[in-house]
mmCIF file of all heavy atoms, coordinates in Angstrom:
data_MODEL
# 
_entry.id   MODEL 
# 
loop_
_atom_site.group_PDB 
_atom_site.id 
_atom_site.type_symbol 
_atom_site.label_atom_id 
_atom_site.label_alt_id 
_atom_site.label_comp_id 
_atom_site.label_asym_id 
_atom_site.label_entity_id 
_atom_site.label_seq_id 
_atom_site.pdbx_PDB_ins_code 
_atom_site.Cartn_x 
_atom_site.Cartn_y 
_atom_site.Cartn_z 
_atom_site.occupancy 
_atom_site.B_iso_or_equiv 
_atom_site.pdbx_formal_charge 
_atom_site.auth_seq_id 
_atom_site.auth_comp_id 
_atom_site.auth_asym_id 
_atom_site.auth_atom_id 
_atom_site.pdbx_PDB_model_num 
ATOM 1   N N   . ARG A 1 1  ? 13.448  -5.625  -2.449  1.00 0.00 ? 1  ARG A N   1 
ATOM 2   C CA  . ARG A 1 1  ? 12.231  -5.473  -3.324  1.00 0.00 ? 1  ARG A CA  1 
ATOM 3   C C   . ARG A 1 1  ? 10.978  -6.029  -2.545  1.00 0.00 ? 1  ARG A C   1 
ATOM 4   O O   . ARG A 1 1  ? 10.892  -7.157  -2.160  1.00 0.00 ? 1  ARG A O   1 
ATOM 5   C CB  . ARG A 1 1  ? 12.241  -6.274  -4.702  1.00 0.00 ? 1  ARG A CB  1 
ATOM 6   C CG  . ARG A 1 1  ? 11.119  -5.968  -5.630  1.00 0.00 ? 1  ARG A CG  1 
ATOM 7   C CD  . ARG A 1 1  ? 11.190  -6.670  -7.029  1.00 0.00 ? 1  ARG A CD  1 
ATOM 8   N NE  . ARG A 1 1  ? 10.884  -7.999  -6.777  1.00 0.00 ? 1  ARG A NE  1 
ATOM 9   C CZ  . ARG A 1 1  ? 10.437  -8.737  -7.832  1.00 0.00 ? 1  ARG A CZ  1 
ATOM 10  N NH1 . ARG A 1 1  ? 10.324  -8.273  -9.062  1.00 0.00 ? 1  ARG A NH1 1 
ATOM 11  N NH2 . ARG A 1 1  ? 10.108  -10.043 -7.665  1.00 0.00 ? 1  ARG A NH2 1 
ATOM 12  N N   . LEU A 1 2  ? 9.986   -5.061  -2.468  1.00 0.00 ? 2  LEU A N   1 
ATOM 13  C CA  . LEU A 1 2  ? 8.758   -5.541  -1.776  1.00 0.00 ? 2  LEU A CA  1 
ATOM 14  C C   . LEU A 1 2  ? 7.738   -5.903  -2.840  1.00 0.00 ? 2  LEU A C   1 
ATOM 15  O O   . LEU A 1 2  ? 7.763   -5.308  -3.895  1.00 0.00 ? 2  LEU A O   1 
ATOM 16  C CB  . LEU A 1 2  ? 8.179   -4.346  -0.935  1.00 0.00 ? 2  LEU A CB  1 
ATOM 17  C CG  . LEU A 1 2  ? 9.141   -3.719  0.071   1.00 0.00 ? 2  LEU A CG  1 
ATOM 18  C CD1 . LEU A 1 2  ? 8.321   -2.716  0.900   1.00 0.00 ? 2  LEU A CD1 1 
ATOM 19  C CD2 . LEU A 1 2  ? 9.640   -4.750  1.052   1.00 0.00 ? 2  LEU A CD2 1 
ATOM 20  N N   . SER A 1 3  ? 6.914   -6.895  -2.585  1.00 0.00 ? 3  SER A N   1 
ATOM 21  C CA  . SER A 1 3  ? 5.883   -7.290  -3.506  1.00 0.00 ? 3  SER A CA  1 
ATOM 22  C C   . SER A 1 3  ? 4.572   -7.161  -2.710  1.00 0.00 ? 3  SER A C   1 
ATOM 23  O O   . SER A 1 3  ? 4.420   -7.303  -1.556  1.00 0.00 ? 3  SER A O   1 
ATOM 24  C CB  . SER A 1 3  ? 6.093   -8.779  -3.890  1.00 0.00 ? 3  SER A CB  1 
ATOM 25  O OG  . SER A 1 3  ? 7.271   -8.850  -4.628  1.00 0.00 ? 3  SER A OG  1 
ATOM 26  N N   . CYS A 1 4  ? 3.471   -6.957  -3.480  1.00 0.00 ? 4  CYS A N   1 
ATOM 27  C CA  . CYS A 1 4  ? 2.145   -6.925  -2.944  1.00 0.00 ? 4  CYS A CA  1 
ATOM 28  C C   . CYS A 1 4  ? 1.184   -7.586  -3.876  1.00 0.00 ? 4  CYS A C   1 
ATOM 29  O O   . CYS A 1 4  ? 0.951   -7.192  -5.009  1.00 0.00 ? 4  CYS A O   1 
ATOM 30  C CB  . CYS A 1 4  ? 1.741   -5.473  -2.712  1.00 0.00 ? 4  CYS A CB  1 
ATOM 31  S SG  . CYS A 1 4  ? -0.021  -5.248  -2.169  1.00 0.00 ? 4  CYS A SG  1 
ATOM 32  N N   . ALA A 1 5  ? 0.641   -8.622  -3.361  1.00 0.00 ? 5  ALA A N   1 
ATOM 33  C CA  . ALA A 1 5  ? -0.445  -9.414  -4.163  1.00 0.00 ? 5  ALA A CA  1 
ATOM 34  C C   . ALA A 1 5  ? -1.781  -8.937  -3.782  1.00 0.00 ? 5  ALA A C   1 
ATOM 35  O O   . ALA A 1 5  ? -2.164  -9.003  -2.582  1.00 0.00 ? 5  ALA A O   1 
ATOM 36  C CB  . ALA A 1 5  ? -0.184  -10.887 -3.969  1.00 0.00 ? 5  ALA A CB  1 
ATOM 37  N N   . ALA A 1 6  ? -2.514  -8.495  -4.726  1.00 0.00 ? 6  ALA A N   1 
ATOM 38  C CA  . ALA A 1 6  ? -4.032  -8.200  -4.471  1.00 0.00 ? 6  ALA A CA  1 
ATOM 39  C C   . ALA A 1 6  ? -4.975  -9.326  -4.814  1.00 0.00 ? 6  ALA A C   1 
ATOM 40  O O   . ALA A 1 6  ? -4.716  -10.108 -5.751  1.00 0.00 ? 6  ALA A O   1 
ATOM 41  C CB  . ALA A 1 6  ? -4.312  -7.003  -5.271  1.00 0.00 ? 6  ALA A CB  1 
ATOM 42  N N   . SER A 1 7  ? -6.053  -9.410  -4.081  1.00 0.00 ? 7  SER A N   1 
ATOM 43  C CA  . SER A 1 7  ? -6.928  -10.438 -4.288  1.00 0.00 ? 7  SER A CA  1 
ATOM 44  C C   . SER A 1 7  ? -8.322  -10.020 -3.895  1.00 0.00 ? 7  SER A C   1 
ATOM 45  O O   . SER A 1 7  ? -8.455  -8.823  -3.419  1.00 0.00 ? 7  SER A O   1 
ATOM 46  C CB  . SER A 1 7  ? -6.661  -11.785 -3.523  1.00 0.00 ? 7  SER A CB  1 
ATOM 47  O OG  . SER A 1 7  ? -6.600  -11.503 -2.114  1.00 0.00 ? 7  SER A OG  1 
ATOM 48  N N   . GLY A 1 8  ? -9.339  -10.721 -4.211  1.00 0.00 ? 8  GLY A N   1 
ATOM 49  C CA  . GLY A 1 8  ? -10.752 -10.173 -3.868  1.00 0.00 ? 8  GLY A CA  1 
ATOM 50  C C   . GLY A 1 8  ? -11.365 -9.574  -4.983  1.00 0.00 ? 8  GLY A C   1 
ATOM 51  O O   . GLY A 1 8  ? -11.222 -9.981  -6.135  1.00 0.00 ? 8  GLY A O   1 
ATOM 52  N N   . SER A 1 9  ? -11.857 -8.378  -4.790  1.00 0.00 ? 9  SER A N   1 
ATOM 53  C CA  . SER A 1 9  ? -12.535 -7.623  -5.810  1.00 0.00 ? 9  SER A CA  1 
ATOM 54  C C   . SER A 1 9  ? -11.563 -6.725  -6.595  1.00 0.00 ? 9  SER A C   1 
ATOM 55  O O   . SER A 1 9  ? -11.566 -5.509  -6.428  1.00 0.00 ? 9  SER A O   1 
ATOM 56  C CB  . SER A 1 9  ? -13.645 -6.717  -5.138  1.00 0.00 ? 9  SER A CB  1 
ATOM 57  O OG  . SER A 1 9  ? -14.587 -7.566  -4.593  1.00 0.00 ? 9  SER A OG  1 
ATOM 58  N N   . ILE A 1 10 ? -10.667 -7.436  -7.398  1.00 0.00 ? 10 ILE A N   1 
ATOM 59  C CA  . ILE A 1 10 ? -9.702  -6.674  -8.149  1.00 0.00 ? 10 ILE A CA  1 
ATOM 60  C C   . ILE A 1 10 ? -10.279 -5.589  -9.022  1.00 0.00 ? 10 ILE A C   1 
ATOM 61  O O   . ILE A 1 10 ? -9.534  -4.508  -9.150  1.00 0.00 ? 10 ILE A O   1 
ATOM 62  C CB  . ILE A 1 10 ? -8.948  -7.664  -8.985  1.00 0.00 ? 10 ILE A CB  1 
ATOM 63  C CG1 . ILE A 1 10 ? -8.322  -8.869  -8.139  1.00 0.00 ? 10 ILE A CG1 1 
ATOM 64  C CG2 . ILE A 1 10 ? -7.815  -7.022  -9.683  1.00 0.00 ? 10 ILE A CG2 1 
ATOM 65  C CD1 . ILE A 1 10 ? -7.409  -8.432  -7.015  1.00 0.00 ? 10 ILE A CD1 1 
ATOM 66  N N   . SER A 1 11 ? -11.399 -5.722  -9.588  1.00 0.00 ? 11 SER A N   1 
ATOM 67  C CA  . SER A 1 11 ? -11.905 -4.765  -10.441 1.00 0.00 ? 11 SER A CA  1 
ATOM 68  C C   . SER A 1 11 ? -12.214 -3.347  -9.728  1.00 0.00 ? 11 SER A C   1 
ATOM 69  O O   . SER A 1 11 ? -12.369 -2.393  -10.354 1.00 0.00 ? 11 SER A O   1 
ATOM 70  C CB  . SER A 1 11 ? -13.210 -5.298  -11.010 1.00 0.00 ? 11 SER A CB  1 
ATOM 71  O OG  . SER A 1 11 ? -14.299 -5.444  -10.049 1.00 0.00 ? 11 SER A OG  1 
ATOM 72  N N   . ARG A 1 12 ? -12.219 -3.413  -8.439  1.00 0.00 ? 12 ARG A N   1 
ATOM 73  C CA  . ARG A 1 12 ? -12.475 -2.170  -7.696  1.00 0.00 ? 12 ARG A CA  1 
ATOM 74  C C   . ARG A 1 12 ? -11.168 -1.300  -7.491  1.00 0.00 ? 12 ARG A C   1 
ATOM 75  O O   . ARG A 1 12 ? -11.226 -0.201  -7.098  1.00 0.00 ? 12 ARG A O   1 
ATOM 76  C CB  . ARG A 1 12 ? -13.105 -2.463  -6.322  1.00 0.00 ? 12 ARG A CB  1 
ATOM 77  C CG  . ARG A 1 12 ? -14.421 -3.093  -6.333  1.00 0.00 ? 12 ARG A CG  1 
ATOM 78  C CD  . ARG A 1 12 ? -15.062 -3.280  -5.047  1.00 0.00 ? 12 ARG A CD  1 
ATOM 79  N NE  . ARG A 1 12 ? -15.507 -1.897  -4.555  1.00 0.00 ? 12 ARG A NE  1 
ATOM 80  C CZ  . ARG A 1 12 ? -16.782 -1.414  -4.648  1.00 0.00 ? 12 ARG A CZ  1 
ATOM 81  N NH1 . ARG A 1 12 ? -17.668 -2.165  -5.334  1.00 0.00 ? 12 ARG A NH1 1 
ATOM 82  N NH2 . ARG A 1 12 ? -17.060 -0.178  -4.324  1.00 0.00 ? 12 ARG A NH2 1 
ATOM 83  N N   . ILE A 1 13 ? -10.073 -1.883  -7.718  1.00 0.00 ? 13 ILE A N   1 
ATOM 84  C CA  . ILE A 1 13 ? -8.743  -1.295  -7.527  1.00 0.00 ? 13 ILE A CA  1 
ATOM 85  C C   . ILE A 1 13 ? -8.500  -0.232  -8.691  1.00 0.00 ? 13 ILE A C   1 
ATOM 86  O O   . ILE A 1 13 ? -8.655  -0.472  -9.886  1.00 0.00 ? 13 ILE A O   1 
ATOM 87  C CB  . ILE A 1 13 ? -7.642  -2.146  -7.475  1.00 0.00 ? 13 ILE A CB  1 
ATOM 88  C CG1 . ILE A 1 13 ? -7.699  -3.121  -6.231  1.00 0.00 ? 13 ILE A CG1 1 
ATOM 89  C CG2 . ILE A 1 13 ? -6.290  -1.496  -7.499  1.00 0.00 ? 13 ILE A CG2 1 
ATOM 90  C CD1 . ILE A 1 13 ? -6.634  -4.289  -6.211  1.00 0.00 ? 13 ILE A CD1 1 
ATOM 91  N N   . ASN A 1 14 ? -8.135  0.913   -8.121  1.00 0.00 ? 14 ASN A N   1 
ATOM 92  C CA  . ASN A 1 14 ? -7.742  2.044   -9.048  1.00 0.00 ? 14 ASN A CA  1 
ATOM 93  C C   . ASN A 1 14 ? -6.295  2.277   -8.988  1.00 0.00 ? 14 ASN A C   1 
ATOM 94  O O   . ASN A 1 14 ? -5.467  1.404   -9.421  1.00 0.00 ? 14 ASN A O   1 
ATOM 95  C CB  . ASN A 1 14 ? -8.563  3.346   -8.766  1.00 0.00 ? 14 ASN A CB  1 
ATOM 96  C CG  . ASN A 1 14 ? -8.390  4.395   -9.772  1.00 0.00 ? 14 ASN A CG  1 
ATOM 97  O OD1 . ASN A 1 14 ? -8.152  4.148   -10.917 1.00 0.00 ? 14 ASN A OD1 1 
ATOM 98  N ND2 . ASN A 1 14 ? -8.645  5.617   -9.367  1.00 0.00 ? 14 ASN A ND2 1 
ATOM 99  N N   . THR A 1 15 ? -5.854  3.360   -8.285  1.00 0.00 ? 15 THR A N   1 
ATOM 100 C CA  . THR A 1 15 ? -4.537  3.586   -7.995  1.00 0.00 ? 15 THR A CA  1 
ATOM 101 C C   . THR A 1 15 ? -3.957  2.673   -6.856  1.00 0.00 ? 15 THR A C   1 
ATOM 102 O O   . THR A 1 15 ? -4.725  2.217   -6.008  1.00 0.00 ? 15 THR A O   1 
ATOM 103 C CB  . THR A 1 15 ? -4.234  4.954   -7.574  1.00 0.00 ? 15 THR A CB  1 
ATOM 104 O OG1 . THR A 1 15 ? -4.695  5.932   -8.518  1.00 0.00 ? 15 THR A OG1 1 
ATOM 105 C CG2 . THR A 1 15 ? -2.876  5.362   -7.165  1.00 0.00 ? 15 THR A CG2 1 
ATOM 106 N N   . MET A 1 16 ? -2.668  2.211   -7.050  1.00 0.00 ? 16 MET A N   1 
ATOM 107 C CA  . MET A 1 16 ? -2.114  1.475   -5.927  1.00 0.00 ? 16 MET A CA  1 
ATOM 108 C C   . MET A 1 16 ? -0.848  2.149   -5.457  1.00 0.00 ? 16 MET A C   1 
ATOM 109 O O   . MET A 1 16 ? -0.370  3.081   -6.136  1.00 0.00 ? 16 MET A O   1 
ATOM 110 C CB  . MET A 1 16 ? -1.674  -0.021  -6.474  1.00 0.00 ? 16 MET A CB  1 
ATOM 111 C CG  . MET A 1 16 ? -2.850  -0.744  -6.891  1.00 0.00 ? 16 MET A CG  1 
ATOM 112 S SD  . MET A 1 16 ? -2.487  -2.513  -7.086  1.00 0.00 ? 16 MET A SD  1 
ATOM 113 C CE  . MET A 1 16 ? -2.250  -3.031  -5.399  1.00 0.00 ? 16 MET A CE  1 
ATOM 114 N N   . GLY A 1 17 ? -0.407  1.896   -4.205  1.00 0.00 ? 17 GLY A N   1 
ATOM 115 C CA  . GLY A 1 17 ? 0.679   2.471   -3.694  1.00 0.00 ? 17 GLY A CA  1 
ATOM 116 C C   . GLY A 1 17 ? 1.389   1.858   -2.548  1.00 0.00 ? 17 GLY A C   1 
ATOM 117 O O   . GLY A 1 17 ? 0.998   0.728   -2.149  1.00 0.00 ? 17 GLY A O   1 
ATOM 118 N N   . TRP A 1 18 ? 2.386   2.499   -2.025  1.00 0.00 ? 18 TRP A N   1 
ATOM 119 C CA  . TRP A 1 18 ? 3.080   2.014   -0.895  1.00 0.00 ? 18 TRP A CA  1 
ATOM 120 C C   . TRP A 1 18 ? 3.106   3.263   0.106   1.00 0.00 ? 18 TRP A C   1 
ATOM 121 O O   . TRP A 1 18 ? 3.422   4.348   -0.319  1.00 0.00 ? 18 TRP A O   1 
ATOM 122 C CB  . TRP A 1 18 ? 4.460   1.577   -1.119  1.00 0.00 ? 18 TRP A CB  1 
ATOM 123 C CG  . TRP A 1 18 ? 4.568   0.263   -1.925  1.00 0.00 ? 18 TRP A CG  1 
ATOM 124 C CD1 . TRP A 1 18 ? 4.515   0.152   -3.245  1.00 0.00 ? 18 TRP A CD1 1 
ATOM 125 C CD2 . TRP A 1 18 ? 4.559   -0.952  -1.424  1.00 0.00 ? 18 TRP A CD2 1 
ATOM 126 N NE1 . TRP A 1 18 ? 4.646   -1.074  -3.625  1.00 0.00 ? 18 TRP A NE1 1 
ATOM 127 C CE2 . TRP A 1 18 ? 4.643   -1.849  -2.456  1.00 0.00 ? 18 TRP A CE2 1 
ATOM 128 C CE3 . TRP A 1 18 ? 4.584   -1.513  -0.092  1.00 0.00 ? 18 TRP A CE3 1 
ATOM 129 C CZ2 . TRP A 1 18 ? 4.698   -3.305  -2.339  1.00 0.00 ? 18 TRP A CZ2 1 
ATOM 130 C CZ3 . TRP A 1 18 ? 4.596   -2.937  0.082   1.00 0.00 ? 18 TRP A CZ3 1 
ATOM 131 C CH2 . TRP A 1 18 ? 4.671   -3.656  -1.026  1.00 0.00 ? 18 TRP A CH2 1 
ATOM 132 N N   . HIS A 1 19 ? 2.757   2.903   1.318   1.00 0.00 ? 19 HIS A N   1 
ATOM 133 C CA  . HIS A 1 19 ? 2.969   3.938   2.461   1.00 0.00 ? 19 HIS A CA  1 
ATOM 134 C C   . HIS A 1 19 ? 3.869   3.230   3.503   1.00 0.00 ? 19 HIS A C   1 
ATOM 135 O O   . HIS A 1 19 ? 4.021   2.082   3.532   1.00 0.00 ? 19 HIS A O   1 
ATOM 136 C CB  . HIS A 1 19 ? 1.600   4.235   3.138   1.00 0.00 ? 19 HIS A CB  1 
ATOM 137 C CG  . HIS A 1 19 ? 0.676   5.077   2.171   1.00 0.00 ? 19 HIS A CG  1 
ATOM 138 N ND1 . HIS A 1 19 ? 0.121   4.619   1.037   1.00 0.00 ? 19 HIS A ND1 1 
ATOM 139 C CD2 . HIS A 1 19 ? 0.263   6.333   2.271   1.00 0.00 ? 19 HIS A CD2 1 
ATOM 140 C CE1 . HIS A 1 19 ? -0.525  5.570   0.460   1.00 0.00 ? 19 HIS A CE1 1 
ATOM 141 N NE2 . HIS A 1 19 ? -0.508  6.608   1.250   1.00 0.00 ? 19 HIS A NE2 1 
ATOM 142 N N   . ARG A 1 20 ? 4.445   4.096   4.378   1.00 0.00 ? 20 ARG A N   1 
ATOM 143 C CA  . ARG A 1 20 ? 5.223   3.514   5.474   1.00 0.00 ? 20 ARG A CA  1 
ATOM 144 C C   . ARG A 1 20 ? 5.061   4.229   6.756   1.00 0.00 ? 20 ARG A C   1 
ATOM 145 O O   . ARG A 1 20 ? 4.653   5.399   6.783   1.00 0.00 ? 20 ARG A O   1 
ATOM 146 C CB  . ARG A 1 20 ? 6.710   3.541   5.022   1.00 0.00 ? 20 ARG A CB  1 
ATOM 147 C CG  . ARG A 1 20 ? 7.250   4.912   4.941   1.00 0.00 ? 20 ARG A CG  1 
ATOM 148 C CD  . ARG A 1 20 ? 8.759   4.869   4.419   1.00 0.00 ? 20 ARG A CD  1 
ATOM 149 N NE  . ARG A 1 20 ? 9.433   6.172   4.397   1.00 0.00 ? 20 ARG A NE  1 
ATOM 150 C CZ  . ARG A 1 20 ? 10.570  6.429   3.870   1.00 0.00 ? 20 ARG A CZ  1 
ATOM 151 N NH1 . ARG A 1 20 ? 11.245  5.410   3.443   1.00 0.00 ? 20 ARG A NH1 1 
ATOM 152 N NH2 . ARG A 1 20 ? 11.115  7.605   3.873   1.00 0.00 ? 20 ARG A NH2 1 
ATOM 153 N N   . GLN A 1 21 ? 5.248   3.434   7.829   1.00 0.00 ? 21 GLN A N   1 
ATOM 154 C CA  . GLN A 1 21 ? 5.230   4.034   9.163   1.00 0.00 ? 21 GLN A CA  1 
ATOM 155 C C   . GLN A 1 21 ? 6.653   3.906   9.751   1.00 0.00 ? 21 GLN A C   1 
ATOM 156 O O   . GLN A 1 21 ? 7.042   2.812   10.137  1.00 0.00 ? 21 GLN A O   1 
ATOM 157 C CB  . GLN A 1 21 ? 4.238   3.178   9.980   1.00 0.00 ? 21 GLN A CB  1 
ATOM 158 C CG  . GLN A 1 21 ? 4.118   3.769   11.430  1.00 0.00 ? 21 GLN A CG  1 
ATOM 159 C CD  . GLN A 1 21 ? 3.222   4.953   11.467  1.00 0.00 ? 21 GLN A CD  1 
ATOM 160 O OE1 . GLN A 1 21 ? 2.176   5.017   11.008  1.00 0.00 ? 21 GLN A OE1 1 
ATOM 161 N NE2 . GLN A 1 21 ? 3.851   6.117   11.916  1.00 0.00 ? 21 GLN A NE2 1 
ATOM 162 N N   . VAL A 1 22 ? 7.288   5.066   9.830   1.00 0.00 ? 22 VAL A N   1 
ATOM 163 C CA  . VAL A 1 22 ? 8.620   5.211   10.308  1.00 0.00 ? 22 VAL A CA  1 
ATOM 164 C C   . VAL A 1 22 ? 8.472   5.419   11.839  1.00 0.00 ? 22 VAL A C   1 
ATOM 165 O O   . VAL A 1 22 ? 7.700   6.305   12.219  1.00 0.00 ? 22 VAL A O   1 
ATOM 166 C CB  . VAL A 1 22 ? 9.523   6.236   9.588   1.00 0.00 ? 22 VAL A CB  1 
ATOM 167 C CG1 . VAL A 1 22 ? 10.763  6.337   10.278  1.00 0.00 ? 22 VAL A CG1 1 
ATOM 168 C CG2 . VAL A 1 22 ? 9.682   5.836   8.190   1.00 0.00 ? 22 VAL A CG2 1 
ATOM 169 N N   . PRO A 1 23 ? 9.209   4.667   12.659  1.00 0.00 ? 23 PRO A N   1 
ATOM 170 C CA  . PRO A 1 23 ? 9.054   4.963   14.108  1.00 0.00 ? 23 PRO A CA  1 
ATOM 171 C C   . PRO A 1 23 ? 9.285   6.413   14.530  1.00 0.00 ? 23 PRO A C   1 
ATOM 172 O O   . PRO A 1 23 ? 10.240  7.032   14.047  1.00 0.00 ? 23 PRO A O   1 
ATOM 173 C CB  . PRO A 1 23 ? 10.264  4.149   14.703  1.00 0.00 ? 23 PRO A CB  1 
ATOM 174 C CG  . PRO A 1 23 ? 10.428  2.997   13.731  1.00 0.00 ? 23 PRO A CG  1 
ATOM 175 C CD  . PRO A 1 23 ? 10.139  3.561   12.294  1.00 0.00 ? 23 PRO A CD  1 
ATOM 176 N N   . GLY A 1 24 ? 8.370   6.890   15.259  1.00 0.00 ? 24 GLY A N   1 
ATOM 177 C CA  . GLY A 1 24 ? 8.420   8.249   15.681  1.00 0.00 ? 24 GLY A CA  1 
ATOM 178 C C   . GLY A 1 24 ? 7.862   9.313   14.741  1.00 0.00 ? 24 GLY A C   1 
ATOM 179 O O   . GLY A 1 24 ? 7.866   10.475  15.025  1.00 0.00 ? 24 GLY A O   1 
ATOM 180 N N   . LYS A 1 25 ? 7.371   8.849   13.592  1.00 0.00 ? 25 LYS A N   1 
ATOM 181 C CA  . LYS A 1 25 ? 6.953   9.780   12.483  1.00 0.00 ? 25 LYS A CA  1 
ATOM 182 C C   . LYS A 1 25 ? 5.518   9.349   12.177  1.00 0.00 ? 25 LYS A C   1 
ATOM 183 O O   . LYS A 1 25 ? 5.170   8.340   12.364  1.00 0.00 ? 25 LYS A O   1 
ATOM 184 C CB  . LYS A 1 25 ? 7.859   9.755   11.287  1.00 0.00 ? 25 LYS A CB  1 
ATOM 185 C CG  . LYS A 1 25 ? 9.263   10.226  11.526  1.00 0.00 ? 25 LYS A CG  1 
ATOM 186 C CD  . LYS A 1 25 ? 10.137  10.285  10.360  1.00 0.00 ? 25 LYS A CD  1 
ATOM 187 C CE  . LYS A 1 25 ? 9.582   11.185  9.229   1.00 0.00 ? 25 LYS A CE  1 
ATOM 188 N NZ  . LYS A 1 25 ? 10.467  11.264  8.010   1.00 0.00 ? 25 LYS A NZ  1 
ATOM 189 N N   . GLN A 1 26 ? 4.876   10.353  11.500  1.00 0.00 ? 26 GLN A N   1 
ATOM 190 C CA  . GLN A 1 26 ? 3.526   10.072  11.026  1.00 0.00 ? 26 GLN A CA  1 
ATOM 191 C C   . GLN A 1 26 ? 3.577   9.163   9.760   1.00 0.00 ? 26 GLN A C   1 
ATOM 192 O O   . GLN A 1 26 ? 4.538   9.203   9.016   1.00 0.00 ? 26 GLN A O   1 
ATOM 193 C CB  . GLN A 1 26 ? 2.879   11.432  10.609  1.00 0.00 ? 26 GLN A CB  1 
ATOM 194 C CG  . GLN A 1 26 ? 1.384   11.398  10.341  1.00 0.00 ? 26 GLN A CG  1 
ATOM 195 C CD  . GLN A 1 26 ? 0.794   12.744  10.264  1.00 0.00 ? 26 GLN A CD  1 
ATOM 196 O OE1 . GLN A 1 26 ? 1.549   13.809  10.077  1.00 0.00 ? 26 GLN A OE1 1 
ATOM 197 N NE2 . GLN A 1 26 ? -0.573  12.820  10.274  1.00 0.00 ? 26 GLN A NE2 1 
ATOM 198 N N   . ARG A 1 27 ? 2.532   8.387   9.566   1.00 0.00 ? 27 ARG A N   1 
ATOM 199 C CA  . ARG A 1 27 ? 2.465   7.611   8.440   1.00 0.00 ? 27 ARG A CA  1 
ATOM 200 C C   . ARG A 1 27 ? 2.448   8.426   7.203   1.00 0.00 ? 27 ARG A C   1 
ATOM 201 O O   . ARG A 1 27 ? 1.947   9.493   7.149   1.00 0.00 ? 27 ARG A O   1 
ATOM 202 C CB  . ARG A 1 27 ? 1.176   6.790   8.401   1.00 0.00 ? 27 ARG A CB  1 
ATOM 203 C CG  . ARG A 1 27 ? 1.113   5.744   7.466   1.00 0.00 ? 27 ARG A CG  1 
ATOM 204 C CD  . ARG A 1 27 ? 0.030   4.744   7.618   1.00 0.00 ? 27 ARG A CD  1 
ATOM 205 N NE  . ARG A 1 27 ? 0.161   3.999   8.897   1.00 0.00 ? 27 ARG A NE  1 
ATOM 206 C CZ  . ARG A 1 27 ? -0.609  2.973   9.286   1.00 0.00 ? 27 ARG A CZ  1 
ATOM 207 N NH1 . ARG A 1 27 ? -1.580  2.528   8.439   1.00 0.00 ? 27 ARG A NH1 1 
ATOM 208 N NH2 . ARG A 1 27 ? -0.323  2.343   10.412  1.00 0.00 ? 27 ARG A NH2 1 
ATOM 209 N N   . GLU A 1 28 ? 3.279   7.972   6.156   1.00 0.00 ? 28 GLU A N   1 
ATOM 210 C CA  . GLU A 1 28 ? 3.541   8.801   5.002   1.00 0.00 ? 28 GLU A CA  1 
ATOM 211 C C   . GLU A 1 28 ? 3.426   8.092   3.793   1.00 0.00 ? 28 GLU A C   1 
ATOM 212 O O   . GLU A 1 28 ? 3.708   6.793   3.635   1.00 0.00 ? 28 GLU A O   1 
ATOM 213 C CB  . GLU A 1 28 ? 4.893   9.430   5.073   1.00 0.00 ? 28 GLU A CB  1 
ATOM 214 C CG  . GLU A 1 28 ? 6.007   8.469   5.148   1.00 0.00 ? 28 GLU A CG  1 
ATOM 215 C CD  . GLU A 1 28 ? 7.378   9.135   5.226   1.00 0.00 ? 28 GLU A CD  1 
ATOM 216 O OE1 . GLU A 1 28 ? 7.498   10.422  5.189   1.00 0.00 ? 28 GLU A OE1 1 
ATOM 217 O OE2 . GLU A 1 28 ? 8.373   8.498   5.394   1.00 0.00 ? 28 GLU A OE2 1 
ATOM 218 N N   . LEU A 1 29 ? 3.123   8.757   2.684   1.00 0.00 ? 29 LEU A N   1 
ATOM 219 C CA  . LEU A 1 29 ? 3.133   8.217   1.375   1.00 0.00 ? 29 LEU A CA  1 
ATOM 220 C C   . LEU A 1 29 ? 4.576   7.970   0.835   1.00 0.00 ? 29 LEU A C   1 
ATOM 221 O O   . LEU A 1 29 ? 5.369   8.885   0.996   1.00 0.00 ? 29 LEU A O   1 
ATOM 222 C CB  . LEU A 1 29 ? 2.326   9.152   0.349   1.00 0.00 ? 29 LEU A CB  1 
ATOM 223 C CG  . LEU A 1 29 ? 2.514   8.805   -1.079  1.00 0.00 ? 29 LEU A CG  1 
ATOM 224 C CD1 . LEU A 1 29 ? 1.719   7.535   -1.470  1.00 0.00 ? 29 LEU A CD1 1 
ATOM 225 C CD2 . LEU A 1 29 ? 2.034   9.938   -1.982  1.00 0.00 ? 29 LEU A CD2 1 
# 
């Protein structure tokens, strides 16, 4: 389980997500 804590200007956040960079592949949603 991955967690992500947001801080700073929280009110500016709309959609959130996760992307990944798999070795040898393009960064993907």
